[in-house]
């Protein structure tokens, strides 16, 4: 620790030695009595030694405190202006680190919730296929329908995880909304036929957006609309200049759940 103290205060000792050398040269050039210089030097060395011991004791106390420093505790040593500046920097860094940890925990909770929901959704088509296999009633169309559901749920999970990892991965381009909707509906063709659903698309517009993420968002809404629509009903998709309106004739949302839908 003494070596660290000397390294930190080295400039002052060098300055003291340089001043002594200058005084020695002045005394020598002007033929002044050297004993006065050496007597003065002895007194200055004694004073310097006392100040150094006092400063070292303060330095040692501060270093020991910093070795076991806890931001929740107040410093037990006298703070210098530079110490205040460093403490402010440390406080800001801790606040940023705490925010990063909080965001990481929040993201982890979101991913865990998504995986929990995904696993719950996957159980339904898996149970349906398992039941058909156990009863030897494997309907090809029904199996295909359940496999499409599994594929959709898997693609949803992968898209969600990718979105969480690459939030800034956007590629904006001119996109025809009608074409995007048609592509999504094609992927649900089997399910729509099985429920005898008719889908009506009204209007078209060109948006400058990311086609991949727009497709993902719309597919989530359409999936719910198709899933909860009554058999032999219809879904109307109205494309406007600034919005897309999807209307289905399904079971709807319970009145007590409406406040939680926003």
C-alpha atoms as a PDB file:
ATOM      1  CA  UNK A   1       0.000   0.000   0.000  1.00  0.00           C
ATOM      2  CA  UNK A   2       2.971   2.331   0.651  1.00  0.00           C
ATOM      3  CA  UNK A   3       4.091   1.855  -2.932  1.00  0.00           C
ATOM      4  CA  UNK A   4       0.633   2.815  -4.169  1.00  0.00           C
ATOM      5  CA  UNK A   5       0.644   5.885  -1.925  1.00  0.00           C
ATOM      6  CA  UNK A   6       4.045   7.007  -3.228  1.00  0.00           C
ATOM      7  CA  UNK A   7       2.954   6.419  -6.802  1.00  0.00           C
ATOM      8  CA  UNK A   8      -0.158   8.546  -6.304  1.00  0.00           C
ATOM      9  CA  UNK A   9       1.781  11.419  -4.635  1.00  0.00           C
ATOM     10  CA  UNK A  10       4.988  11.045  -6.637  1.00  0.00           C
ATOM     11  CA  UNK A  11       4.549  14.358  -8.453  1.00  0.00           C
ATOM     12  CA  UNK A  12       4.671  16.307  -5.160  1.00  0.00           C
ATOM     13  CA  UNK A  13       7.894  14.654  -4.034  1.00  0.00           C
ATOM     14  CA  UNK A  14       9.485  15.266  -7.416  1.00  0.00           C
ATOM     15  CA  UNK A  15       8.409  18.914  -7.212  1.00  0.00           C
ATOM     16  CA  UNK A  16       9.907  19.186  -3.710  1.00  0.00           C
ATOM     17  CA  UNK A  17      13.237  17.757  -4.918  1.00  0.00           C
ATOM     18  CA  UNK A  18      13.291  20.120  -7.922  1.00  0.00           C
ATOM     19  CA  UNK A  19      12.691  23.121  -5.646  1.00  0.00           C
ATOM     20  CA  UNK A  20      15.585  22.032  -3.425  1.00  0.00           C
ATOM     21  CA  UNK A  21      17.854  21.708  -6.465  1.00  0.00           C
ATOM     22  CA  UNK A  22      16.879  25.211  -7.604  1.00  0.00           C
ATOM     23  CA  UNK A  23      17.571  26.636  -4.157  1.00  0.00           C
ATOM     24  CA  UNK A  24      20.915  24.826  -4.068  1.00  0.00           C
ATOM     25  CA  UNK A  25      21.909  26.294  -7.439  1.00  0.00           C
ATOM     26  CA  UNK A  26      20.877  29.780  -6.297  1.00  0.00           C
ATOM     27  CA  UNK A  27      22.875  29.492  -3.095  1.00  0.00           C
ATOM     28  CA  UNK A  28      25.856  28.213  -5.030  1.00  0.00           C
ATOM     29  CA  UNK A  29      25.781  30.905  -7.716  1.00  0.00           C
ATOM     30  CA  UNK A  30      25.383  33.750  -5.242  1.00  0.00           C
ATOM     31  CA  UNK A  31      27.910  32.265  -2.790  1.00  0.00           C
ATOM     32  CA  UNK A  32      25.386  32.149   0.041  1.00  0.00           C
ATOM     33  CA  UNK A  33      26.132  30.184   3.210  1.00  0.00           C
ATOM     34  CA  UNK A  34      25.255  26.557   2.564  1.00  0.00           C
ATOM     35  CA  UNK A  35      24.607  25.706   6.263  1.00  0.00           C
ATOM     36  CA  UNK A  36      21.484  27.869   6.173  1.00  0.00           C
ATOM     37  CA  UNK A  37      20.234  25.887   3.169  1.00  0.00           C
ATOM     38  CA  UNK A  38      20.852  22.517   4.795  1.00  0.00           C
ATOM     39  CA  UNK A  39      19.315  23.628   8.094  1.00  0.00           C
ATOM     40  CA  UNK A  40      16.224  24.756   6.221  1.00  0.00           C
ATOM     41  CA  UNK A  41      16.234  21.514   4.288  1.00  0.00           C
ATOM     42  CA  UNK A  42      16.319  19.487   7.511  1.00  0.00           C
ATOM     43  CA  UNK A  43      13.328  21.346   8.932  1.00  0.00           C
ATOM     44  CA  UNK A  44      11.416  20.949   5.667  1.00  0.00           C
ATOM     45  CA  UNK A  45      12.174  17.227   5.556  1.00  0.00           C
ATOM     46  CA  UNK A  46      10.828  16.825   9.101  1.00  0.00           C
ATOM     47  CA  UNK A  47       7.651  18.744   8.194  1.00  0.00           C
ATOM     48  CA  UNK A  48       7.328  16.773   4.930  1.00  0.00           C
ATOM     49  CA  UNK A  49       7.748  13.490   6.786  1.00  0.00           C
ATOM     50  CA  UNK A  50       5.035  14.439   9.294  1.00  0.00           C
ATOM     51  CA  UNK A  51       2.625  15.495   6.557  1.00  0.00           C
ATOM     52  CA  UNK A  52       3.402  12.316   4.608  1.00  0.00           C
ATOM     53  CA  UNK A  53       2.646  10.124   7.636  1.00  0.00           C
ATOM     54  CA  UNK A  54      -0.643  11.978   8.211  1.00  0.00           C
ATOM     55  CA  UNK A  55      -1.600  11.746   4.540  1.00  0.00           C
ATOM     56  CA  UNK A  56      -0.652   8.066   4.420  1.00  0.00           C
ATOM     57  CA  UNK A  57      -2.871   7.283   7.416  1.00  0.00           C
ATOM     58  CA  UNK A  58      -5.810   8.956   5.659  1.00  0.00           C
ATOM     59  CA  UNK A  59      -4.957   7.176   2.396  1.00  0.00           C
ATOM     60  CA  UNK A  60      -4.747   3.807   4.136  1.00  0.00           C
ATOM     61  CA  UNK A  61      -8.091   4.344   5.871  1.00  0.00           C
ATOM     62  CA  UNK A  62      -9.722   5.266   2.575  1.00  0.00           C
ATOM     63  CA  UNK A  63      -8.261   2.275   0.724  1.00  0.00           C
ATOM     64  CA  UNK A  64      -9.385  -0.151   3.425  1.00  0.00           C
ATOM     65  CA  UNK A  65     -12.864   1.346   3.288  1.00  0.00           C
ATOM     66  CA  UNK A  66     -12.983   1.073  -0.508  1.00  0.00           C
ATOM     67  CA  UNK A  67     -11.799  -2.533  -0.323  1.00  0.00           C
ATOM     68  CA  UNK A  68     -15.004  -3.474   1.489  1.00  0.00           C
ATOM     69  CA  UNK A  69     -17.118  -0.701   0.021  1.00  0.00           C
ATOM     70  CA  UNK A  70     -20.873  -1.093  -0.009  1.00  0.00           C
ATOM     71  CA  UNK A  71     -22.914   1.548  -1.807  1.00  0.00           C
ATOM     72  CA  UNK A  72     -25.595   1.343   0.878  1.00  0.00           C
ATOM     73  CA  UNK A  73     -23.122   2.585   3.490  1.00  0.00           C
ATOM     74  CA  UNK A  74     -21.897   6.114   3.974  1.00  0.00           C
ATOM     75  CA  UNK A  75     -18.134   6.704   3.605  1.00  0.00           C
ATOM     76  CA  UNK A  76     -16.245   6.712   6.918  1.00  0.00           C
ATOM     77  CA  UNK A  77     -13.433   8.895   5.564  1.00  0.00           C
ATOM     78  CA  UNK A  78     -13.344  12.530   4.558  1.00  0.00           C
ATOM     79  CA  UNK A  79     -14.356  12.958   0.955  1.00  0.00           C
ATOM     80  CA  UNK A  80     -12.442  15.165  -1.423  1.00  0.00           C
ATOM     81  CA  UNK A  81     -14.149  16.865  -4.398  1.00  0.00           C
ATOM     82  CA  UNK A  82     -12.694  14.213  -6.706  1.00  0.00           C
ATOM     83  CA  UNK A  83     -14.058  11.500  -4.388  1.00  0.00           C
ATOM     84  CA  UNK A  84     -17.556  12.960  -4.720  1.00  0.00           C
ATOM     85  CA  UNK A  85     -17.203  12.841  -8.493  1.00  0.00           C
ATOM     86  CA  UNK A  86     -16.148   9.183  -8.412  1.00  0.00           C
ATOM     87  CA  UNK A  87     -18.962   8.281  -6.023  1.00  0.00           C
ATOM     88  CA  UNK A  88     -21.474   9.919  -8.364  1.00  0.00           C
ATOM     89  CA  UNK A  89     -20.084   7.916 -11.276  1.00  0.00           C
ATOM     90  CA  UNK A  90     -20.302   4.701  -9.249  1.00  0.00           C
ATOM     91  CA  UNK A  91     -23.892   5.493  -8.263  1.00  0.00           C
ATOM     92  CA  UNK A  92     -24.854   6.106 -11.898  1.00  0.00           C
ATOM     93  CA  UNK A  93     -23.166   2.883 -13.018  1.00  0.00           C
ATOM     94  CA  UNK A  94     -24.980   0.912 -10.320  1.00  0.00           C
ATOM     95  CA  UNK A  95     -28.297   2.445 -11.366  1.00  0.00           C
ATOM     96  CA  UNK A  96     -27.671   1.497 -15.006  1.00  0.00           C
ATOM     97  CA  UNK A  97     -26.642  -2.011 -14.011  1.00  0.00           C
ATOM     98  CA  UNK A  98     -29.752  -2.396 -11.850  1.00  0.00           C
ATOM     99  CA  UNK A  99     -31.897  -1.247 -14.781  1.00  0.00           C
ATOM    100  CA  UNK A 100     -30.220  -3.753 -17.108  1.00  0.00           C
ATOM    101  CA  UNK A 101     -30.786  -6.552 -14.586  1.00  0.00           C
ATOM    102  CA  UNK A 102     -34.429  -5.517 -14.219  1.00  0.00           C
ATOM    103  CA  UNK A 103     -34.905  -5.500 -18.011  1.00  0.00           C
ATOM    104  CA  UNK A 104     -33.229  -8.901 -18.293  1.00  0.00           C
ATOM    105  CA  UNK A 105     -35.499 -10.354 -15.607  1.00  0.00           C
ATOM    106  CA  UNK A 106     -38.536  -8.859 -17.326  1.00  0.00           C
ATOM    107  CA  UNK A 107     -37.504 -10.320 -20.680  1.00  0.00           C
ATOM    108  CA  UNK A 108     -36.883 -13.700 -19.073  1.00  0.00           C
ATOM    109  CA  UNK A 109     -40.336 -13.626 -17.469  1.00  0.00           C
ATOM    110  CA  UNK A 110     -41.923 -12.724 -20.813  1.00  0.00           C
ATOM    111  CA  UNK A 111     -40.152 -15.588 -22.552  1.00  0.00           C
ATOM    112  CA  UNK A 112     -41.116 -18.003 -19.764  1.00  0.00           C
ATOM    113  CA  UNK A 113     -44.755 -16.862 -20.005  1.00  0.00           C
ATOM    114  CA  UNK A 114     -44.723 -17.268 -23.785  1.00  0.00           C
ATOM    115  CA  UNK A 115     -43.257 -20.767 -23.556  1.00  0.00           C
ATOM    116  CA  UNK A 116     -45.845 -21.687 -20.914  1.00  0.00           C
ATOM    117  CA  UNK A 117     -48.682 -20.457 -23.156  1.00  0.00           C
ATOM    118  CA  UNK A 118     -47.117 -22.183 -26.162  1.00  0.00           C
ATOM    119  CA  UNK A 119     -46.813 -25.509 -24.355  1.00  0.00           C
ATOM    120  CA  UNK A 120     -50.456 -25.240 -23.270  1.00  0.00           C
ATOM    121  CA  UNK A 121     -51.566 -24.563 -26.858  1.00  0.00           C
ATOM    122  CA  UNK A 122     -49.487 -27.470 -28.152  1.00  0.00           C
ATOM    123  CA  UNK A 123     -51.221 -29.924 -25.832  1.00  0.00           C
ATOM    124  CA  UNK A 124     -54.565 -29.618 -27.634  1.00  0.00           C
ATOM    125  CA  UNK A 125     -53.516 -30.796 -31.134  1.00  0.00           C
ATOM    126  CA  UNK A 126     -51.137 -33.361 -29.636  1.00  0.00           C
ATOM    127  CA  UNK A 127     -53.930 -34.760 -27.497  1.00  0.00           C
ATOM    128  CA  UNK A 128     -56.242 -34.870 -30.532  1.00  0.00           C
ATOM    129  CA  UNK A 129     -53.686 -36.799 -32.619  1.00  0.00           C
ATOM    130  CA  UNK A 130     -52.947 -39.120 -29.690  1.00  0.00           C
ATOM    131  CA  UNK A 131     -56.655 -39.851 -29.227  1.00  0.00           C
ATOM    132  CA  UNK A 132     -57.106 -40.604 -32.932  1.00  0.00           C
ATOM    133  CA  UNK A 133     -54.107 -42.948 -32.828  1.00  0.00           C
ATOM    134  CA  UNK A 134     -55.406 -44.779 -29.731  1.00  0.00           C
ATOM    135  CA  UNK A 135     -58.876 -45.246 -31.218  1.00  0.00           C
ATOM    136  CA  UNK A 136     -57.551 -46.121 -34.690  1.00  0.00           C
ATOM    137  CA  UNK A 137     -59.549 -43.282 -36.233  1.00  0.00           C
ATOM    138  CA  UNK A 138     -56.805 -41.399 -38.035  1.00  0.00           C
ATOM    139  CA  UNK A 139     -58.663 -39.048 -40.336  1.00  0.00           C
ATOM    140  CA  UNK A 140     -56.066 -37.651 -42.817  1.00  0.00           C
ATOM    141  CA  UNK A 141     -57.781 -34.268 -43.013  1.00  0.00           C
ATOM    142  CA  UNK A 142     -58.106 -34.010 -39.241  1.00  0.00           C
ATOM    143  CA  UNK A 143     -54.456 -35.036 -38.763  1.00  0.00           C
ATOM    144  CA  UNK A 144     -53.363 -32.464 -41.321  1.00  0.00           C
ATOM    145  CA  UNK A 145     -55.424 -29.821 -39.526  1.00  0.00           C
ATOM    146  CA  UNK A 146     -53.834 -30.638 -36.168  1.00  0.00           C
ATOM    147  CA  UNK A 147     -50.354 -30.682 -37.717  1.00  0.00           C
ATOM    148  CA  UNK A 148     -50.986 -27.233 -39.205  1.00  0.00           C
ATOM    149  CA  UNK A 149     -51.903 -25.998 -35.746  1.00  0.00           C
ATOM    150  CA  UNK A 150     -48.676 -27.418 -34.343  1.00  0.00           C
ATOM    151  CA  UNK A 151     -46.695 -25.817 -37.147  1.00  0.00           C
ATOM    152  CA  UNK A 152     -48.380 -22.476 -36.553  1.00  0.00           C
ATOM    153  CA  UNK A 153     -47.734 -22.568 -32.802  1.00  0.00           C
ATOM    154  CA  UNK A 154     -44.096 -23.481 -33.392  1.00  0.00           C
ATOM    155  CA  UNK A 155     -43.638 -20.672 -35.930  1.00  0.00           C
ATOM    156  CA  UNK A 156     -45.266 -18.260 -33.469  1.00  0.00           C
ATOM    157  CA  UNK A 157     -42.844 -19.217 -30.712  1.00  0.00           C
ATOM    158  CA  UNK A 158     -39.802 -18.966 -32.993  1.00  0.00           C
ATOM    159  CA  UNK A 159     -40.954 -15.591 -34.316  1.00  0.00           C
ATOM    160  CA  UNK A 160     -41.506 -14.324 -30.769  1.00  0.00           C
ATOM    161  CA  UNK A 161     -38.052 -15.443 -29.634  1.00  0.00           C
ATOM    162  CA  UNK A 162     -36.471 -13.907 -32.717  1.00  0.00           C
ATOM    163  CA  UNK A 163     -38.313 -10.655 -32.122  1.00  0.00           C
ATOM    164  CA  UNK A 164     -37.058 -10.541 -28.520  1.00  0.00           C
ATOM    165  CA  UNK A 165     -33.508 -11.113 -29.710  1.00  0.00           C
ATOM    166  CA  UNK A 166     -33.520  -8.810 -32.752  1.00  0.00           C
ATOM    167  CA  UNK A 167     -35.818  -5.938 -31.858  1.00  0.00           C
ATOM    168  CA  UNK A 168     -34.131  -3.657 -34.353  1.00  0.00           C
ATOM    169  CA  UNK A 169     -34.200  -6.177 -37.201  1.00  0.00           C
ATOM    170  CA  UNK A 170     -36.672  -4.258 -39.374  1.00  0.00           C
ATOM    171  CA  UNK A 171     -36.668  -3.918 -43.144  1.00  0.00           C
ATOM    172  CA  UNK A 172     -39.150  -1.314 -44.315  1.00  0.00           C
ATOM    173  CA  UNK A 173     -40.560  -1.622 -47.823  1.00  0.00           C
ATOM    174  CA  UNK A 174     -43.760  -0.931 -49.751  1.00  0.00           C
ATOM    175  CA  UNK A 175     -46.154  -3.784 -48.990  1.00  0.00           C
ATOM    176  CA  UNK A 176     -49.590  -4.588 -50.388  1.00  0.00           C
ATOM    177  CA  UNK A 177     -51.820  -5.325 -47.404  1.00  0.00           C
ATOM    178  CA  UNK A 178     -54.201  -7.424 -49.485  1.00  0.00           C
ATOM    179  CA  UNK A 179     -51.344  -9.662 -50.647  1.00  0.00           C
ATOM    180  CA  UNK A 180     -50.147 -10.136 -47.072  1.00  0.00           C
ATOM    181  CA  UNK A 181     -53.653 -11.069 -45.887  1.00  0.00           C
ATOM    182  CA  UNK A 182     -54.134 -13.501 -48.787  1.00  0.00           C
ATOM    183  CA  UNK A 183     -50.837 -15.243 -47.979  1.00  0.00           C
ATOM    184  CA  UNK A 184     -51.879 -15.657 -44.356  1.00  0.00           C
ATOM    185  CA  UNK A 185     -55.307 -17.010 -45.260  1.00  0.00           C
ATOM    186  CA  UNK A 186     -53.715 -19.605 -47.577  1.00  0.00           C
ATOM    187  CA  UNK A 187     -51.830 -21.038 -44.594  1.00  0.00           C
ATOM    188  CA  UNK A 188     -55.180 -21.510 -42.794  1.00  0.00           C
ATOM    189  CA  UNK A 189     -56.958 -23.015 -45.821  1.00  0.00           C
ATOM    190  CA  UNK A 190     -57.434 -26.475 -44.297  1.00  0.00           C
ATOM    191  CA  UNK A 191     -58.819 -25.146 -41.023  1.00  0.00           C
ATOM    192  CA  UNK A 192     -61.167 -22.742 -42.812  1.00  0.00           C
ATOM    193  CA  UNK A 193     -62.495 -25.533 -45.028  1.00  0.00           C
ATOM    194  CA  UNK A 194     -63.022 -27.817 -42.053  1.00  0.00           C
ATOM    195  CA  UNK A 195     -65.155 -25.138 -40.348  1.00  0.00           C
ATOM    196  CA  UNK A 196     -66.778 -23.986 -43.628  1.00  0.00           C
ATOM    197  CA  UNK A 197     -65.621 -20.442 -43.018  1.00  0.00           C
ATOM    198  CA  UNK A 198     -65.856 -17.801 -45.709  1.00  0.00           C
ATOM    199  CA  UNK A 199     -63.352 -14.964 -45.577  1.00  0.00           C
ATOM    200  CA  UNK A 200     -64.136 -11.655 -47.264  1.00  0.00           C
ATOM    201  CA  UNK A 201     -61.369  -9.149 -47.995  1.00  0.00           C
ATOM    202  CA  UNK A 202     -62.450  -5.574 -48.618  1.00  0.00           C
ATOM    203  CA  UNK A 203     -60.140  -2.924 -50.042  1.00  0.00           C
ATOM    204  CA  UNK A 204     -56.371  -2.706 -50.388  1.00  0.00           C
ATOM    205  CA  UNK A 205     -53.612  -0.290 -49.508  1.00  0.00           C
ATOM    206  CA  UNK A 206     -49.856   0.052 -49.706  1.00  0.00           C
ATOM    207  CA  UNK A 207     -47.987   0.495 -46.432  1.00  0.00           C
ATOM    208  CA  UNK A 208     -44.312   1.096 -45.918  1.00  0.00           C
ATOM    209  CA  UNK A 209     -43.604  -1.458 -43.224  1.00  0.00           C
ATOM    210  CA  UNK A 210     -41.711  -4.617 -42.373  1.00  0.00           C
ATOM    211  CA  UNK A 211     -43.550  -7.391 -44.188  1.00  0.00           C
ATOM    212  CA  UNK A 212     -42.218 -10.165 -41.962  1.00  0.00           C
ATOM    213  CA  UNK A 213     -43.362  -8.651 -38.665  1.00  0.00           C
ATOM    214  CA  UNK A 214     -46.634  -7.355 -40.128  1.00  0.00           C
ATOM    215  CA  UNK A 215     -47.405 -10.885 -41.302  1.00  0.00           C
ATOM    216  CA  UNK A 216     -46.601 -12.208 -37.822  1.00  0.00           C
ATOM    217  CA  UNK A 217     -48.875  -9.653 -36.112  1.00  0.00           C
ATOM    218  CA  UNK A 218     -51.795 -10.167 -38.476  1.00  0.00           C
ATOM    219  CA  UNK A 219     -51.492 -13.952 -38.295  1.00  0.00           C
ATOM    220  CA  UNK A 220     -51.961 -13.796 -34.507  1.00  0.00           C
ATOM    221  CA  UNK A 221     -55.197 -11.840 -34.871  1.00  0.00           C
ATOM    222  CA  UNK A 222     -56.485 -13.993 -37.718  1.00  0.00           C
ATOM    223  CA  UNK A 223     -55.606 -17.161 -35.830  1.00  0.00           C
ATOM    224  CA  UNK A 224     -57.868 -16.116 -32.962  1.00  0.00           C
ATOM    225  CA  UNK A 225     -60.598 -15.021 -35.352  1.00  0.00           C
ATOM    226  CA  UNK A 226     -60.549 -18.393 -37.146  1.00  0.00           C
ATOM    227  CA  UNK A 227     -60.179 -20.402 -33.939  1.00  0.00           C
ATOM    228  CA  UNK A 228     -63.150 -18.815 -32.175  1.00  0.00           C
ATOM    229  CA  UNK A 229     -65.453 -18.301 -35.179  1.00  0.00           C
ATOM    230  CA  UNK A 230     -68.629 -20.322 -35.314  1.00  0.00           C
ATOM    231  CA  UNK A 231     -68.776 -23.011 -38.039  1.00  0.00           C
ATOM    232  CA  UNK A 232     -70.232 -21.860 -41.373  1.00  0.00           C
ATOM    233  CA  UNK A 233     -69.767 -18.220 -40.410  1.00  0.00           C
ATOM    234  CA  UNK A 234     -67.685 -15.526 -42.070  1.00  0.00           C
ATOM    235  CA  UNK A 235     -64.730 -13.270 -41.324  1.00  0.00           C
ATOM    236  CA  UNK A 236     -64.603  -9.806 -42.858  1.00  0.00           C
ATOM    237  CA  UNK A 237     -61.236  -8.120 -43.285  1.00  0.00           C
ATOM    238  CA  UNK A 238     -61.526  -4.423 -44.122  1.00  0.00           C
ATOM    239  CA  UNK A 239     -58.342  -2.668 -45.246  1.00  0.00           C
ATOM    240  CA  UNK A 240     -58.317   1.093 -44.855  1.00  0.00           C
ATOM    241  CA  UNK A 241     -55.739   3.806 -45.339  1.00  0.00           C
ATOM    242  CA  UNK A 242     -54.456   3.708 -41.762  1.00  0.00           C
ATOM    243  CA  UNK A 243     -55.991   0.575 -40.254  1.00  0.00           C
ATOM    244  CA  UNK A 244     -56.967  -3.046 -40.809  1.00  0.00           C
ATOM    245  CA  UNK A 245     -60.292  -4.144 -39.325  1.00  0.00           C
ATOM    246  CA  UNK A 246     -60.973  -7.841 -38.749  1.00  0.00           C
ATOM    247  CA  UNK A 247     -64.539  -8.806 -37.854  1.00  0.00           C
ATOM    248  CA  UNK A 248     -65.575 -12.339 -36.963  1.00  0.00           C
ATOM    249  CA  UNK A 249     -68.797 -13.910 -35.719  1.00  0.00           C
ATOM    250  CA  UNK A 250     -67.499 -16.066 -32.932  1.00  0.00           C
ATOM    251  CA  UNK A 251     -68.055 -16.401 -29.205  1.00  0.00           C
ATOM    252  CA  UNK A 252     -66.666 -12.907 -28.561  1.00  0.00           C
ATOM    253  CA  UNK A 253     -65.200 -11.575 -25.311  1.00  0.00           C
ATOM    254  CA  UNK A 254     -67.006 -11.868 -22.032  1.00  0.00           C
ATOM    255  CA  UNK A 255     -68.318  -8.540 -20.773  1.00  0.00           C
ATOM    256  CA  UNK A 256     -66.309  -8.788 -17.543  1.00  0.00           C
ATOM    257  CA  UNK A 257     -63.113  -9.368 -19.553  1.00  0.00           C
ATOM    258  CA  UNK A 258     -63.503  -6.311 -21.813  1.00  0.00           C
ATOM    259  CA  UNK A 259     -61.616  -3.946 -19.421  1.00  0.00           C
ATOM    260  CA  UNK A 260     -58.595  -6.284 -19.650  1.00  0.00           C
ATOM    261  CA  UNK A 261     -58.552  -6.368 -23.449  1.00  0.00           C
ATOM    262  CA  UNK A 262     -56.865  -2.954 -23.883  1.00  0.00           C
END
